[in-house]
Amino acid sequence: AAQLAAEATAGGSGGAVQLRTEARTLKSLGDEKAAGGEASPLDVAWCYVAGSLRCAQAAFLLERQQAAADAQAMLLWGSELLRRSAAGSLERADEYLVAALAYKCASACAMCVLLSRE
């Protein structure tokens, strides 16, 4: 968590936008690899997990900039990347324990958003 925070704060004010762009790029890369069928499911899952981490970093920066709604949206999108994309790829690779961890992380992200709205 400390490393995630340090990397996120190093980006400055434009860092959240760059992290969001990187997350979208990683998702697109994962989608392309999955559609191509040549990459292993683990390679595809890596793209989605890395994208969700970028979402978490962007959410951290947005929260520090007092943009709570944007931070919540980024966390939810990162949660969806983990839940729908990464976990599915991990299951296709017979990595059920790691897929379960992806589901658990996705649930934790969604719970953070839910608790911050109350």
N, C-alpha and C. Protein backbone atom coordinates (compact mmCIF):
# COMPACT_ATOMS: atom_id res chain seq x y z
N ALA A 1 0.83 -1.20 0.00
CA ALA A 1 0.00 0.00 0.00
C ALA A 1 0.87 1.26 0.00
N ALA A 2 1.97 1.22 0.75
CA ALA A 2 2.84 2.39 0.80
C ALA A 2 3.50 2.64 -0.55
N GLN A 3 3.89 1.57 -1.23
CA GLN A 3 4.50 1.72 -2.55
C GLN A 3 3.47 2.27 -3.54
N LEU A 4 2.24 1.79 -3.45
CA LEU A 4 1.17 2.27 -4.32
C LEU A 4 0.95 3.76 -4.09
N ALA A 5 0.93 4.18 -2.83
CA ALA A 5 0.73 5.59 -2.51
C ALA A 5 1.90 6.44 -3.00
N ALA A 6 3.11 5.94 -2.83
CA ALA A 6 4.28 6.70 -3.28
C ALA A 6 4.29 6.87 -4.79
N GLU A 7 3.95 5.81 -5.51
CA GLU A 7 3.92 5.90 -6.97
C GLU A 7 2.82 6.84 -7.43
N ALA A 8 1.68 6.81 -6.75
CA ALA A 8 0.56 7.65 -7.14
C ALA A 8 0.84 9.13 -6.89
N THR A 9 1.44 9.45 -5.75
CA THR A 9 1.69 10.85 -5.44
C THR A 9 2.82 11.41 -6.29
N ALA A 10 3.67 10.56 -6.81
CA ALA A 10 4.76 11.03 -7.65
C ALA A 10 4.27 11.63 -8.96
N GLY A 11 3.04 11.27 -9.35
CA GLY A 11 2.50 11.72 -10.62
C GLY A 11 2.05 13.16 -10.66
N GLY A 12 1.82 13.79 -9.54
CA GLY A 12 1.35 15.17 -9.52
C GLY A 12 -0.09 15.28 -9.96
N SER A 13 -0.49 16.51 -10.39
CA SER A 13 -1.89 16.75 -10.70
C SER A 13 -2.33 16.04 -11.97
N GLY A 14 -1.45 15.90 -12.94
CA GLY A 14 -1.81 15.22 -14.18
C GLY A 14 -1.66 13.72 -14.08
N GLY A 15 -1.18 13.25 -12.94
CA GLY A 15 -0.93 11.82 -12.77
C GLY A 15 -2.17 10.97 -12.86
N ALA A 16 -3.29 11.46 -12.35
CA ALA A 16 -4.53 10.68 -12.39
C ALA A 16 -4.99 10.47 -13.82
N VAL A 17 -4.85 11.48 -14.64
CA VAL A 17 -5.25 11.35 -16.05
C VAL A 17 -4.35 10.34 -16.75
N GLN A 18 -3.05 10.41 -16.51
CA GLN A 18 -2.13 9.46 -17.13
C GLN A 18 -2.40 8.04 -16.65
N LEU A 19 -2.65 7.87 -15.36
CA LEU A 19 -2.94 6.54 -14.83
C LEU A 19 -4.23 5.99 -15.42
N ARG A 20 -5.23 6.84 -15.58
CA ARG A 20 -6.49 6.42 -16.20
C ARG A 20 -6.24 5.97 -17.65
N THR A 21 -5.42 6.72 -18.36
CA THR A 21 -5.09 6.37 -19.74
C THR A 21 -4.34 5.04 -19.78
N GLU A 22 -3.39 4.85 -18.87
CA GLU A 22 -2.65 3.59 -18.82
C GLU A 22 -3.58 2.43 -18.52
N ALA A 23 -4.54 2.63 -17.62
CA ALA A 23 -5.49 1.57 -17.28
C ALA A 23 -6.32 1.18 -18.50
N ARG A 24 -6.77 2.18 -19.25
CA ARG A 24 -7.55 1.89 -20.47
C ARG A 24 -6.70 1.17 -21.50
N THR A 25 -5.45 1.59 -21.63
CA THR A 25 -4.54 0.95 -22.58
C THR A 25 -4.29 -0.51 -22.20
N LEU A 26 -4.08 -0.76 -20.92
CA LEU A 26 -3.86 -2.13 -20.46
C LEU A 26 -5.09 -3.00 -20.66
N LYS A 27 -6.27 -2.44 -20.44
CA LYS A 27 -7.50 -3.20 -20.67
C LYS A 27 -7.63 -3.54 -22.16
N SER A 28 -7.36 -2.55 -23.01
CA SER A 28 -7.43 -2.80 -24.45
C SER A 28 -6.42 -3.86 -24.88
N LEU A 29 -5.23 -3.79 -24.32
CA LEU A 29 -4.21 -4.78 -24.63
C LEU A 29 -4.67 -6.17 -24.20
N GLY A 30 -5.25 -6.26 -23.01
CA GLY A 30 -5.78 -7.55 -22.54
C GLY A 30 -6.88 -8.06 -23.45
N ASP A 31 -7.78 -7.16 -23.87
CA ASP A 31 -8.86 -7.55 -24.77
C ASP A 31 -8.31 -8.06 -26.10
N GLU A 32 -7.30 -7.37 -26.63
CA GLU A 32 -6.68 -7.78 -27.90
C GLU A 32 -6.01 -9.15 -27.77
N LYS A 33 -5.29 -9.33 -26.66
CA LYS A 33 -4.62 -10.61 -26.44
C LYS A 33 -5.64 -11.74 -26.30
N ALA A 34 -6.73 -11.46 -25.59
CA ALA A 34 -7.77 -12.48 -25.39
C ALA A 34 -8.45 -12.82 -26.72
N ALA A 35 -8.71 -11.80 -27.53
CA ALA A 35 -9.38 -12.03 -28.82
C ALA A 35 -8.46 -12.76 -29.80
N GLY A 36 -7.18 -12.47 -29.72
CA GLY A 36 -6.22 -13.10 -30.63
C GLY A 36 -6.05 -14.58 -30.36
N GLY A 37 -6.18 -14.97 -29.12
CA GLY A 37 -6.08 -16.37 -28.75
C GLY A 37 -4.67 -16.92 -28.68
N GLU A 38 -3.68 -16.13 -29.03
CA GLU A 38 -2.30 -16.63 -29.02
C GLU A 38 -1.64 -16.46 -27.64
N ALA A 39 -2.08 -15.47 -26.88
CA ALA A 39 -1.48 -15.22 -25.56
C ALA A 39 -2.07 -16.18 -24.53
N SER A 40 -1.27 -16.48 -23.54
CA SER A 40 -1.77 -17.35 -22.47
C SER A 40 -2.77 -16.57 -21.61
N PRO A 41 -3.69 -17.27 -20.97
CA PRO A 41 -4.65 -16.59 -20.09
C PRO A 41 -3.96 -15.82 -18.97
N LEU A 42 -2.78 -16.29 -18.55
CA LEU A 42 -2.04 -15.57 -17.50
C LEU A 42 -1.53 -14.23 -18.00
N ASP A 43 -1.07 -14.18 -19.25
CA ASP A 43 -0.63 -12.91 -19.84
C ASP A 43 -1.79 -11.94 -19.95
N VAL A 44 -2.93 -12.45 -20.34
CA VAL A 44 -4.13 -11.62 -20.45
C VAL A 44 -4.53 -11.10 -19.08
N ALA A 45 -4.53 -12.00 -18.09
CA ALA A 45 -4.91 -11.59 -16.73
C ALA A 45 -3.95 -10.53 -16.20
N TRP A 46 -2.66 -10.66 -16.53
CA TRP A 46 -1.69 -9.66 -16.06
C TRP A 46 -2.08 -8.27 -16.56
N CYS A 47 -2.50 -8.16 -17.80
CA CYS A 47 -2.90 -6.86 -18.35
C CYS A 47 -4.05 -6.27 -17.54
N TYR A 48 -5.03 -7.10 -17.23
CA TYR A 48 -6.20 -6.62 -16.48
C TYR A 48 -5.85 -6.25 -15.04
N VAL A 49 -5.02 -7.06 -14.40
CA VAL A 49 -4.62 -6.76 -13.02
C VAL A 49 -3.80 -5.47 -12.98
N ALA A 50 -2.87 -5.32 -13.93
CA ALA A 50 -2.07 -4.10 -13.99
C ALA A 50 -2.98 -2.89 -14.24
N GLY A 51 -3.98 -3.05 -15.08
CA GLY A 51 -4.94 -1.95 -15.32
C GLY A 51 -5.72 -1.60 -14.07
N SER A 52 -6.11 -2.60 -13.31
CA SER A 52 -6.87 -2.32 -12.09
C SER A 52 -5.99 -1.63 -11.05
N LEU A 53 -4.70 -1.96 -11.02
CA LEU A 53 -3.79 -1.26 -10.12
C LEU A 53 -3.65 0.20 -10.50
N ARG A 54 -3.61 0.47 -11.80
CA ARG A 54 -3.55 1.87 -12.26
C ARG A 54 -4.83 2.61 -11.83
N CYS A 55 -5.96 1.92 -11.87
CA CYS A 55 -7.21 2.52 -11.41
C CYS A 55 -7.14 2.88 -9.93
N ALA A 56 -6.58 1.98 -9.14
CA ALA A 56 -6.44 2.24 -7.71
C ALA A 56 -5.51 3.42 -7.46
N GLN A 57 -4.42 3.49 -8.21
CA GLN A 57 -3.51 4.63 -8.06
C GLN A 57 -4.20 5.93 -8.45
N ALA A 58 -4.95 5.91 -9.54
CA ALA A 58 -5.67 7.12 -9.97
C ALA A 58 -6.71 7.51 -8.93
N ALA A 59 -7.40 6.53 -8.36
CA ALA A 59 -8.40 6.81 -7.33
C ALA A 59 -7.75 7.47 -6.11
N PHE A 60 -6.58 6.97 -5.74
CA PHE A 60 -5.86 7.56 -4.61
C PHE A 60 -5.54 9.03 -4.88
N LEU A 61 -5.03 9.31 -6.08
CA LEU A 61 -4.71 10.70 -6.44
C LEU A 61 -5.95 11.57 -6.47
N LEU A 62 -7.02 11.06 -7.06
CA LEU A 62 -8.26 11.84 -7.16
C LEU A 62 -8.84 12.12 -5.77
N GLU A 63 -8.73 11.17 -4.89
CA GLU A 63 -9.21 11.37 -3.53
C GLU A 63 -8.42 12.47 -2.83
N ARG A 64 -7.12 12.47 -3.04
CA ARG A 64 -6.28 13.52 -2.44
C ARG A 64 -6.59 14.89 -3.03
N GLN A 65 -7.10 14.91 -4.27
CA GLN A 65 -7.45 16.17 -4.92
C GLN A 65 -8.91 16.56 -4.65
N GLN A 66 -9.52 15.89 -3.69
CA GLN A 66 -10.90 16.18 -3.28
C GLN A 66 -11.92 15.89 -4.39
N ALA A 67 -11.63 14.96 -5.26
CA ALA A 67 -12.56 14.56 -6.33
C ALA A 67 -13.11 13.18 -5.99
N ALA A 68 -13.94 13.13 -4.95
CA ALA A 68 -14.42 11.85 -4.42
C ALA A 68 -15.23 11.06 -5.44
N ALA A 69 -16.10 11.72 -6.19
CA ALA A 69 -16.94 11.01 -7.15
C ALA A 69 -16.08 10.35 -8.24
N ASP A 70 -15.07 11.07 -8.71
CA ASP A 70 -14.18 10.50 -9.72
C ASP A 70 -13.35 9.36 -9.14
N ALA A 71 -12.93 9.51 -7.90
CA ALA A 71 -12.17 8.45 -7.24
C ALA A 71 -13.02 7.19 -7.10
N GLN A 72 -14.28 7.36 -6.73
CA GLN A 72 -15.17 6.22 -6.60
C GLN A 72 -15.39 5.53 -7.95
N ALA A 73 -15.54 6.33 -8.99
CA ALA A 73 -15.73 5.76 -10.33
C ALA A 73 -14.51 4.95 -10.76
N MET A 74 -13.32 5.46 -10.45
CA MET A 74 -12.10 4.73 -10.81
C MET A 74 -12.01 3.42 -10.03
N LEU A 75 -12.35 3.46 -8.75
CA LEU A 75 -12.31 2.22 -7.96
C LEU A 75 -13.30 1.20 -8.48
N LEU A 76 -14.48 1.66 -8.85
CA LEU A 76 -15.48 0.73 -9.38
C LEU A 76 -15.03 0.13 -10.71
N TRP A 77 -14.42 0.95 -11.55
CA TRP A 77 -13.94 0.43 -12.83
C TRP A 77 -12.82 -0.58 -12.61
N GLY A 78 -11.92 -0.27 -11.68
CA GLY A 78 -10.86 -1.23 -11.34
C GLY A 78 -11.42 -2.53 -10.78
N SER A 79 -12.47 -2.40 -10.00
CA SER A 79 -13.15 -3.57 -9.45
C SER A 79 -13.73 -4.43 -10.57
N GLU A 80 -14.34 -3.79 -11.55
CA GLU A 80 -14.90 -4.52 -12.69
C GLU A 80 -13.81 -5.22 -13.50
N LEU A 81 -12.68 -4.54 -13.67
CA LEU A 81 -11.56 -5.18 -14.38
C LEU A 81 -11.13 -6.46 -13.67
N LEU A 82 -11.06 -6.39 -12.35
CA LEU A 82 -10.67 -7.58 -11.59
C LEU A 82 -11.73 -8.65 -11.66
N ARG A 83 -12.98 -8.24 -11.43
CA ARG A 83 -14.06 -9.22 -11.31
C ARG A 83 -14.39 -9.88 -12.65
N ARG A 84 -14.59 -9.08 -13.68
CA ARG A 84 -15.03 -9.63 -14.96
C ARG A 84 -13.88 -10.15 -15.81
N SER A 85 -12.84 -9.36 -15.92
CA SER A 85 -11.79 -9.68 -16.88
C SER A 85 -10.68 -10.54 -16.30
N ALA A 86 -10.04 -10.06 -15.25
CA ALA A 86 -8.89 -10.77 -14.70
C ALA A 86 -9.28 -12.12 -14.13
N ALA A 87 -10.33 -12.16 -13.32
CA ALA A 87 -10.73 -13.43 -12.70
C ALA A 87 -11.12 -14.46 -13.75
N GLY A 88 -11.81 -14.02 -14.80
CA GLY A 88 -12.18 -14.95 -15.87
C GLY A 88 -10.96 -15.53 -16.57
N SER A 89 -9.98 -14.68 -16.84
CA SER A 89 -8.75 -15.16 -17.48
C SER A 89 -8.01 -16.13 -16.57
N LEU A 90 -7.98 -15.83 -15.29
CA LEU A 90 -7.31 -16.72 -14.34
C LEU A 90 -8.02 -18.06 -14.24
N GLU A 91 -9.34 -18.04 -14.29
CA GLU A 91 -10.08 -19.30 -14.25
C GLU A 91 -9.79 -20.14 -15.50
N ARG A 92 -9.67 -19.47 -16.65
CA ARG A 92 -9.34 -20.20 -17.88
C ARG A 92 -7.94 -20.83 -17.80
N ALA A 93 -7.08 -20.25 -16.97
CA ALA A 93 -5.73 -20.79 -16.79
C ALA A 93 -5.68 -21.80 -15.64
N ASP A 94 -6.84 -22.16 -15.11
CA ASP A 94 -6.93 -23.08 -13.96
C ASP A 94 -6.20 -22.55 -12.73
N GLU A 95 -6.17 -21.24 -12.59
CA GLU A 95 -5.58 -20.60 -11.41
C GLU A 95 -6.71 -20.13 -10.50
N TYR A 96 -7.40 -21.09 -9.90
CA TYR A 96 -8.61 -20.79 -9.16
C TYR A 96 -8.34 -20.03 -7.86
N LEU A 97 -7.24 -20.33 -7.21
CA LEU A 97 -6.91 -19.62 -5.97
C LEU A 97 -6.63 -18.15 -6.26
N VAL A 98 -5.88 -17.88 -7.32
CA VAL A 98 -5.57 -16.49 -7.68
C VAL A 98 -6.83 -15.79 -8.17
N ALA A 99 -7.69 -16.51 -8.88
CA ALA A 99 -8.97 -15.94 -9.32
C ALA A 99 -9.82 -15.57 -8.10
N ALA A 100 -9.80 -16.42 -7.08
CA ALA A 100 -10.55 -16.12 -5.86
C ALA A 100 -10.00 -14.85 -5.20
N LEU A 101 -8.69 -14.68 -5.23
CA LEU A 101 -8.10 -13.45 -4.67
C LEU A 101 -8.50 -12.23 -5.49
N ALA A 102 -8.60 -12.38 -6.82
CA ALA A 102 -9.05 -11.27 -7.66
C ALA A 102 -10.49 -10.89 -7.31
N TYR A 103 -11.34 -11.90 -7.10
CA TYR A 103 -12.71 -11.62 -6.69
C TYR A 103 -12.75 -10.91 -5.34
N LYS A 104 -11.89 -11.34 -4.44
CA LYS A 104 -11.85 -10.74 -3.10
C LYS A 104 -11.39 -9.29 -3.18
N CYS A 105 -10.38 -9.01 -3.99
CA CYS A 105 -9.91 -7.63 -4.17
C CYS A 105 -10.98 -6.77 -4.83
N ALA A 106 -11.68 -7.34 -5.81
CA ALA A 106 -12.76 -6.61 -6.47
C ALA A 106 -13.86 -6.27 -5.47
N SER A 107 -14.18 -7.20 -4.60
CA SER A 107 -15.19 -6.95 -3.57
C SER A 107 -14.74 -5.87 -2.60
N ALA A 108 -13.46 -5.89 -2.25
CA ALA A 108 -12.93 -4.88 -1.34
C ALA A 108 -13.00 -3.48 -1.97
N CYS A 109 -12.69 -3.38 -3.26
CA CYS A 109 -12.78 -2.08 -3.94
C CYS A 109 -14.23 -1.59 -3.94
N ALA A 110 -15.15 -2.46 -4.27
CA ALA A 110 -16.57 -2.08 -4.29
C ALA A 110 -17.04 -1.70 -2.90
N MET A 111 -16.57 -2.40 -1.89
CA MET A 111 -16.97 -2.08 -0.52
C MET A 111 -16.44 -0.71 -0.10
N CYS A 112 -15.23 -0.38 -0.50
CA CYS A 112 -14.68 0.95 -0.20
C CYS A 112 -15.55 2.04 -0.78
N VAL A 113 -16.00 1.83 -1.99
CA VAL A 113 -16.88 2.83 -2.63
C VAL A 113 -18.19 2.93 -1.88
N LEU A 114 -18.77 1.78 -1.54
CA LEU A 114 -20.04 1.77 -0.82
C LEU A 114 -19.91 2.48 0.53
N LEU A 115 -18.85 2.20 1.26
CA LEU A 115 -18.67 2.81 2.58
C LEU A 115 -18.38 4.31 2.48
N SER A 116 -17.71 4.72 1.42
CA SER A 116 -17.41 6.15 1.28
C SER A 116 -18.65 6.97 0.90
N ARG A 117 -19.66 6.32 0.37
CA ARG A 117 -20.90 7.02 0.01
C ARG A 117 -21.80 7.24 1.21
N GLU A 118 -21.57 6.50 2.28
CA GLU A 118 -22.42 6.64 3.47
C GLU A 118 -21.99 7.77 4.36
